[in-house]
């Protein structure tokens, strides 16, 4: 996303706006899917993010990258969806579906499916804020600074939140690693 396209879209150029929306829709969908774990709700969240993006683009000052700023919008949409539907069964089941690569062999397929299932379960068990921080940092590849902007918090908060999430996930892995070593 070049700066001229962003400026043109902010100034009302519909072609530039369409170009931005095309470039951002995949990251929005992956992000929403990672946090919501449901394709339909992720699509709804992506569409709502797009609408809010269009309505608020004029307010974008360029203090961060456009994608980081727009993921902040998506995060707010996801949080609203979660508030409306607090009880989400198996929230992490399809967490990484948008990023899966086809396995090479049947054994690799089983191994990969098991790894994804374990990761889904661990992420689903995290508190919302920790899951959001992990997804933004590691799945969307944002820096600590960009994650802080998207989550509207301090960089130290992001670091602490990610640390707590990773520690919690490591503790959940430890028993299975120990039992796997004993077999």
C-alpha atoms as a PDB file:
ATOM      1  CA  UNK A   1       0.000   0.000   0.000  1.00  0.00           C
ATOM      2  CA  UNK A   2       1.727   3.083  -1.178  1.00  0.00           C
ATOM      3  CA  UNK A   3       1.150   6.427   0.470  1.00  0.00           C
ATOM      4  CA  UNK A   4      -0.312   7.996  -2.686  1.00  0.00           C
ATOM      5  CA  UNK A   5      -3.052   5.357  -2.827  1.00  0.00           C
ATOM      6  CA  UNK A   6      -3.901   5.943   0.836  1.00  0.00           C
ATOM      7  CA  UNK A   7      -4.043   9.708   0.361  1.00  0.00           C
ATOM      8  CA  UNK A   8      -6.136   9.352  -2.793  1.00  0.00           C
ATOM      9  CA  UNK A   9      -8.562   7.005  -1.008  1.00  0.00           C
ATOM     10  CA  UNK A  10      -8.791   9.411   1.938  1.00  0.00           C
ATOM     11  CA  UNK A  11      -9.595  12.191  -0.523  1.00  0.00           C
ATOM     12  CA  UNK A  12     -12.478  10.194  -2.010  1.00  0.00           C
ATOM     13  CA  UNK A  13     -10.870   8.382  -4.960  1.00  0.00           C
ATOM     14  CA  UNK A  14     -13.085   5.288  -5.315  1.00  0.00           C
ATOM     15  CA  UNK A  15     -10.535   3.334  -7.359  1.00  0.00           C
ATOM     16  CA  UNK A  16      -7.855   3.882  -4.710  1.00  0.00           C
ATOM     17  CA  UNK A  17     -10.325   2.901  -1.994  1.00  0.00           C
ATOM     18  CA  UNK A  18     -11.234  -0.286  -3.857  1.00  0.00           C
ATOM     19  CA  UNK A  19      -7.533  -1.117  -4.190  1.00  0.00           C
ATOM     20  CA  UNK A  20      -7.029  -0.680  -0.430  1.00  0.00           C
ATOM     21  CA  UNK A  21     -10.046  -2.821   0.381  1.00  0.00           C
ATOM     22  CA  UNK A  22      -8.795  -5.609  -1.911  1.00  0.00           C
ATOM     23  CA  UNK A  23      -5.370  -5.548  -0.245  1.00  0.00           C
ATOM     24  CA  UNK A  24      -6.747  -5.515   3.285  1.00  0.00           C
ATOM     25  CA  UNK A  25      -9.615  -8.002   3.087  1.00  0.00           C
ATOM     26  CA  UNK A  26      -7.398 -11.133   3.365  1.00  0.00           C
ATOM     27  CA  UNK A  27      -5.505  -9.914   6.451  1.00  0.00           C
ATOM     28  CA  UNK A  28      -8.824  -8.861   8.020  1.00  0.00           C
ATOM     29  CA  UNK A  29     -10.380 -12.246   7.346  1.00  0.00           C
ATOM     30  CA  UNK A  30      -7.361 -14.193   8.688  1.00  0.00           C
ATOM     31  CA  UNK A  31      -7.300 -12.026  11.791  1.00  0.00           C
ATOM     32  CA  UNK A  32     -11.050 -12.329  12.449  1.00  0.00           C
ATOM     33  CA  UNK A  33     -10.948 -16.059  11.751  1.00  0.00           C
ATOM     34  CA  UNK A  34      -8.062 -16.502  14.164  1.00  0.00           C
ATOM     35  CA  UNK A  35      -9.954 -14.771  16.953  1.00  0.00           C
ATOM     36  CA  UNK A  36     -13.486 -15.990  16.255  1.00  0.00           C
ATOM     37  CA  UNK A  37     -12.820 -19.496  14.954  1.00  0.00           C
ATOM     38  CA  UNK A  38     -15.911 -19.481  12.760  1.00  0.00           C
ATOM     39  CA  UNK A  39     -15.953 -18.770   9.028  1.00  0.00           C
ATOM     40  CA  UNK A  40     -19.359 -17.069   8.904  1.00  0.00           C
ATOM     41  CA  UNK A  41     -18.710 -14.838  11.893  1.00  0.00           C
ATOM     42  CA  UNK A  42     -15.239 -14.031  10.515  1.00  0.00           C
ATOM     43  CA  UNK A  43     -16.801 -12.984   7.178  1.00  0.00           C
ATOM     44  CA  UNK A  44     -19.348 -10.838   9.001  1.00  0.00           C
ATOM     45  CA  UNK A  45     -16.572  -9.253  11.058  1.00  0.00           C
ATOM     46  CA  UNK A  46     -14.479  -8.660   7.936  1.00  0.00           C
ATOM     47  CA  UNK A  47     -17.403  -6.937   6.209  1.00  0.00           C
ATOM     48  CA  UNK A  48     -18.139  -4.784   9.246  1.00  0.00           C
ATOM     49  CA  UNK A  49     -14.440  -3.908   9.443  1.00  0.00           C
ATOM     50  CA  UNK A  50     -14.568  -2.831   5.791  1.00  0.00           C
ATOM     51  CA  UNK A  51     -17.589  -0.606   6.400  1.00  0.00           C
ATOM     52  CA  UNK A  52     -15.995   1.027   9.426  1.00  0.00           C
ATOM     53  CA  UNK A  53     -12.720   1.380   7.541  1.00  0.00           C
ATOM     54  CA  UNK A  54     -14.512   3.279   4.761  1.00  0.00           C
ATOM     55  CA  UNK A  55     -16.354   5.498   7.251  1.00  0.00           C
ATOM     56  CA  UNK A  56     -13.254   6.349   9.296  1.00  0.00           C
ATOM     57  CA  UNK A  57     -10.496   6.435   6.662  1.00  0.00           C
ATOM     58  CA  UNK A  58     -10.556  10.233   6.690  1.00  0.00           C
ATOM     59  CA  UNK A  59      -9.461  10.073  10.351  1.00  0.00           C
ATOM     60  CA  UNK A  60      -6.332   8.030   9.511  1.00  0.00           C
ATOM     61  CA  UNK A  61      -3.375  10.297  10.313  1.00  0.00           C
ATOM     62  CA  UNK A  62      -0.568   7.995   9.220  1.00  0.00           C
ATOM     63  CA  UNK A  63       0.915   7.581  12.715  1.00  0.00           C
ATOM     64  CA  UNK A  64       1.106   3.843  12.031  1.00  0.00           C
ATOM     65  CA  UNK A  65       0.865   1.611   8.987  1.00  0.00           C
ATOM     66  CA  UNK A  66      -2.587   1.509   7.442  1.00  0.00           C
ATOM     67  CA  UNK A  67      -2.840  -2.258   7.962  1.00  0.00           C
ATOM     68  CA  UNK A  68      -2.000  -1.898  11.670  1.00  0.00           C
ATOM     69  CA  UNK A  69      -4.601   0.837  12.049  1.00  0.00           C
ATOM     70  CA  UNK A  70      -7.195  -1.222  10.198  1.00  0.00           C
ATOM     71  CA  UNK A  71      -6.479  -4.306  12.341  1.00  0.00           C
ATOM     72  CA  UNK A  72      -7.336  -2.118  15.330  1.00  0.00           C
ATOM     73  CA  UNK A  73     -10.740  -1.561  13.727  1.00  0.00           C
ATOM     74  CA  UNK A  74     -11.084  -5.315  13.163  1.00  0.00           C
ATOM     75  CA  UNK A  75     -10.141  -5.974  16.789  1.00  0.00           C
ATOM     76  CA  UNK A  76     -12.899  -3.655  17.996  1.00  0.00           C
ATOM     77  CA  UNK A  77     -15.410  -5.409  15.722  1.00  0.00           C
ATOM     78  CA  UNK A  78     -14.335  -8.823  17.047  1.00  0.00           C
ATOM     79  CA  UNK A  79     -14.647  -7.614  20.641  1.00  0.00           C
ATOM     80  CA  UNK A  80     -18.182  -6.379  19.956  1.00  0.00           C
ATOM     81  CA  UNK A  81     -19.134  -9.712  18.392  1.00  0.00           C
ATOM     82  CA  UNK A  82     -17.746 -11.544  21.418  1.00  0.00           C
ATOM     83  CA  UNK A  83     -19.697  -9.329  23.795  1.00  0.00           C
ATOM     84  CA  UNK A  84     -22.901 -10.027  21.869  1.00  0.00           C
ATOM     85  CA  UNK A  85     -22.315 -13.775  21.795  1.00  0.00           C
ATOM     86  CA  UNK A  86     -20.400 -14.564  24.961  1.00  0.00           C
ATOM     87  CA  UNK A  87     -20.901 -18.315  24.831  1.00  0.00           C
ATOM     88  CA  UNK A  88     -19.012 -19.502  21.768  1.00  0.00           C
ATOM     89  CA  UNK A  89     -18.687 -23.297  21.656  1.00  0.00           C
ATOM     90  CA  UNK A  90     -15.329 -24.597  20.486  1.00  0.00           C
ATOM     91  CA  UNK A  91     -14.065 -21.084  19.730  1.00  0.00           C
ATOM     92  CA  UNK A  92     -10.682 -22.239  18.570  1.00  0.00           C
ATOM     93  CA  UNK A  93     -11.676 -25.185  16.343  1.00  0.00           C
ATOM     94  CA  UNK A  94     -11.018 -23.465  13.002  1.00  0.00           C
ATOM     95  CA  UNK A  95      -8.416 -21.030  14.288  1.00  0.00           C
ATOM     96  CA  UNK A  96      -5.802 -21.597  11.629  1.00  0.00           C
ATOM     97  CA  UNK A  97      -7.965 -22.874   8.774  1.00  0.00           C
ATOM     98  CA  UNK A  98      -7.219 -19.822   6.646  1.00  0.00           C
ATOM     99  CA  UNK A  99      -3.464 -20.516   6.816  1.00  0.00           C
ATOM    100  CA  UNK A 100      -3.272 -24.300   6.500  1.00  0.00           C
ATOM    101  CA  UNK A 101      -1.044 -25.760   3.823  1.00  0.00           C
ATOM    102  CA  UNK A 102      -1.863 -29.108   2.219  1.00  0.00           C
ATOM    103  CA  UNK A 103       0.176 -31.876   3.891  1.00  0.00           C
ATOM    104  CA  UNK A 104       2.645 -33.876   1.833  1.00  0.00           C
ATOM    105  CA  UNK A 105       1.995 -37.395   3.178  1.00  0.00           C
ATOM    106  CA  UNK A 106      -0.817 -39.069   5.138  1.00  0.00           C
ATOM    107  CA  UNK A 107       1.460 -39.296   8.200  1.00  0.00           C
ATOM    108  CA  UNK A 108       2.302 -35.612   7.860  1.00  0.00           C
ATOM    109  CA  UNK A 109      -1.431 -34.849   7.563  1.00  0.00           C
ATOM    110  CA  UNK A 110      -2.189 -36.625  10.829  1.00  0.00           C
ATOM    111  CA  UNK A 111       0.742 -34.951  12.566  1.00  0.00           C
ATOM    112  CA  UNK A 112      -0.195 -31.507  11.258  1.00  0.00           C
ATOM    113  CA  UNK A 113      -3.856 -31.949  12.187  1.00  0.00           C
ATOM    114  CA  UNK A 114      -2.868 -32.936  15.716  1.00  0.00           C
ATOM    115  CA  UNK A 115      -0.558 -29.937  16.046  1.00  0.00           C
ATOM    116  CA  UNK A 116      -3.265 -27.583  14.790  1.00  0.00           C
ATOM    117  CA  UNK A 117      -5.826 -29.100  17.128  1.00  0.00           C
ATOM    118  CA  UNK A 118      -3.485 -28.699  20.103  1.00  0.00           C
ATOM    119  CA  UNK A 119      -2.721 -25.106  19.145  1.00  0.00           C
ATOM    120  CA  UNK A 120      -6.423 -24.339  18.649  1.00  0.00           C
ATOM    121  CA  UNK A 121      -7.247 -25.729  22.059  1.00  0.00           C
ATOM    122  CA  UNK A 122      -4.463 -23.826  23.796  1.00  0.00           C
ATOM    123  CA  UNK A 123      -5.366 -20.542  22.112  1.00  0.00           C
ATOM    124  CA  UNK A 124      -9.079 -21.022  22.804  1.00  0.00           C
ATOM    125  CA  UNK A 125      -8.291 -21.495  26.487  1.00  0.00           C
ATOM    126  CA  UNK A 126      -6.430 -18.181  26.718  1.00  0.00           C
ATOM    127  CA  UNK A 127      -8.237 -15.086  27.957  1.00  0.00           C
ATOM    128  CA  UNK A 128      -9.432 -12.899  25.064  1.00  0.00           C
ATOM    129  CA  UNK A 129      -6.758 -10.228  25.552  1.00  0.00           C
ATOM    130  CA  UNK A 130      -3.914 -12.770  25.559  1.00  0.00           C
ATOM    131  CA  UNK A 131      -5.292 -14.515  22.460  1.00  0.00           C
ATOM    132  CA  UNK A 132      -5.589 -11.156  20.664  1.00  0.00           C
ATOM    133  CA  UNK A 133      -1.992 -10.230  21.484  1.00  0.00           C
ATOM    134  CA  UNK A 134      -0.634 -13.617  20.353  1.00  0.00           C
ATOM    135  CA  UNK A 135      -2.604 -13.544  17.092  1.00  0.00           C
ATOM    136  CA  UNK A 136      -1.523  -9.996  16.252  1.00  0.00           C
ATOM    137  CA  UNK A 137       2.162 -10.636  17.090  1.00  0.00           C
ATOM    138  CA  UNK A 138       2.691 -14.096  15.675  1.00  0.00           C
ATOM    139  CA  UNK A 139      -0.094 -14.803  13.188  1.00  0.00           C
ATOM    140  CA  UNK A 140      -0.318 -11.323  11.672  1.00  0.00           C
ATOM    141  CA  UNK A 141       3.389 -10.606  12.200  1.00  0.00           C
ATOM    142  CA  UNK A 142       2.963  -7.186  13.782  1.00  0.00           C
ATOM    143  CA  UNK A 143       5.763  -5.666  15.843  1.00  0.00           C
ATOM    144  CA  UNK A 144       5.248  -4.980  19.547  1.00  0.00           C
ATOM    145  CA  UNK A 145       4.691  -1.316  18.707  1.00  0.00           C
ATOM    146  CA  UNK A 146       2.131  -2.120  16.002  1.00  0.00           C
ATOM    147  CA  UNK A 147       0.358  -4.615  18.258  1.00  0.00           C
ATOM    148  CA  UNK A 148       0.146  -1.976  20.985  1.00  0.00           C
ATOM    149  CA  UNK A 149      -1.415   0.478  18.537  1.00  0.00           C
ATOM    150  CA  UNK A 150      -3.915  -2.088  17.300  1.00  0.00           C
ATOM    151  CA  UNK A 151      -4.859  -3.074  20.853  1.00  0.00           C
ATOM    152  CA  UNK A 152      -4.783   0.549  22.062  1.00  0.00           C
ATOM    153  CA  UNK A 153      -2.415  -0.137  24.941  1.00  0.00           C
ATOM    154  CA  UNK A 154       1.213   0.369  25.961  1.00  0.00           C
ATOM    155  CA  UNK A 155       4.034  -1.671  24.437  1.00  0.00           C
ATOM    156  CA  UNK A 156       4.908  -3.002  27.894  1.00  0.00           C
ATOM    157  CA  UNK A 157       1.358  -4.288  28.229  1.00  0.00           C
ATOM    158  CA  UNK A 158       1.711  -6.165  24.940  1.00  0.00           C
ATOM    159  CA  UNK A 159       5.021  -7.696  26.043  1.00  0.00           C
ATOM    160  CA  UNK A 160       3.588  -8.771  29.397  1.00  0.00           C
ATOM    161  CA  UNK A 161       0.391 -10.112  27.843  1.00  0.00           C
ATOM    162  CA  UNK A 162       2.275 -12.139  25.210  1.00  0.00           C
ATOM    163  CA  UNK A 163       4.661 -13.418  27.882  1.00  0.00           C
ATOM    164  CA  UNK A 164       1.755 -14.554  30.081  1.00  0.00           C
ATOM    165  CA  UNK A 165       0.062 -16.252  27.131  1.00  0.00           C
ATOM    166  CA  UNK A 166       3.202 -18.092  26.044  1.00  0.00           C
ATOM    167  CA  UNK A 167       3.953 -19.159  29.611  1.00  0.00           C
ATOM    168  CA  UNK A 168       0.431 -20.504  29.978  1.00  0.00           C
ATOM    169  CA  UNK A 169       0.724 -22.383  26.673  1.00  0.00           C
ATOM    170  CA  UNK A 170       4.135 -23.809  27.673  1.00  0.00           C
ATOM    171  CA  UNK A 171       2.693 -25.087  30.953  1.00  0.00           C
ATOM    172  CA  UNK A 172      -0.065 -26.849  29.031  1.00  0.00           C
ATOM    173  CA  UNK A 173       2.515 -28.419  26.732  1.00  0.00           C
ATOM    174  CA  UNK A 174       4.776 -29.566  29.561  1.00  0.00           C
ATOM    175  CA  UNK A 175       2.594 -32.469  30.783  1.00  0.00           C
ATOM    176  CA  UNK A 176       2.123 -33.861  27.256  1.00  0.00           C
ATOM    177  CA  UNK A 177       5.847 -33.540  26.528  1.00  0.00           C
ATOM    178  CA  UNK A 178       6.649 -35.365  29.753  1.00  0.00           C
ATOM    179  CA  UNK A 179       4.200 -38.183  29.055  1.00  0.00           C
ATOM    180  CA  UNK A 180       5.381 -38.444  25.448  1.00  0.00           C
ATOM    181  CA  UNK A 181       8.925 -38.923  26.679  1.00  0.00           C
ATOM    182  CA  UNK A 182       7.852 -41.735  29.016  1.00  0.00           C
ATOM    183  CA  UNK A 183       6.113 -43.856  26.361  1.00  0.00           C
END
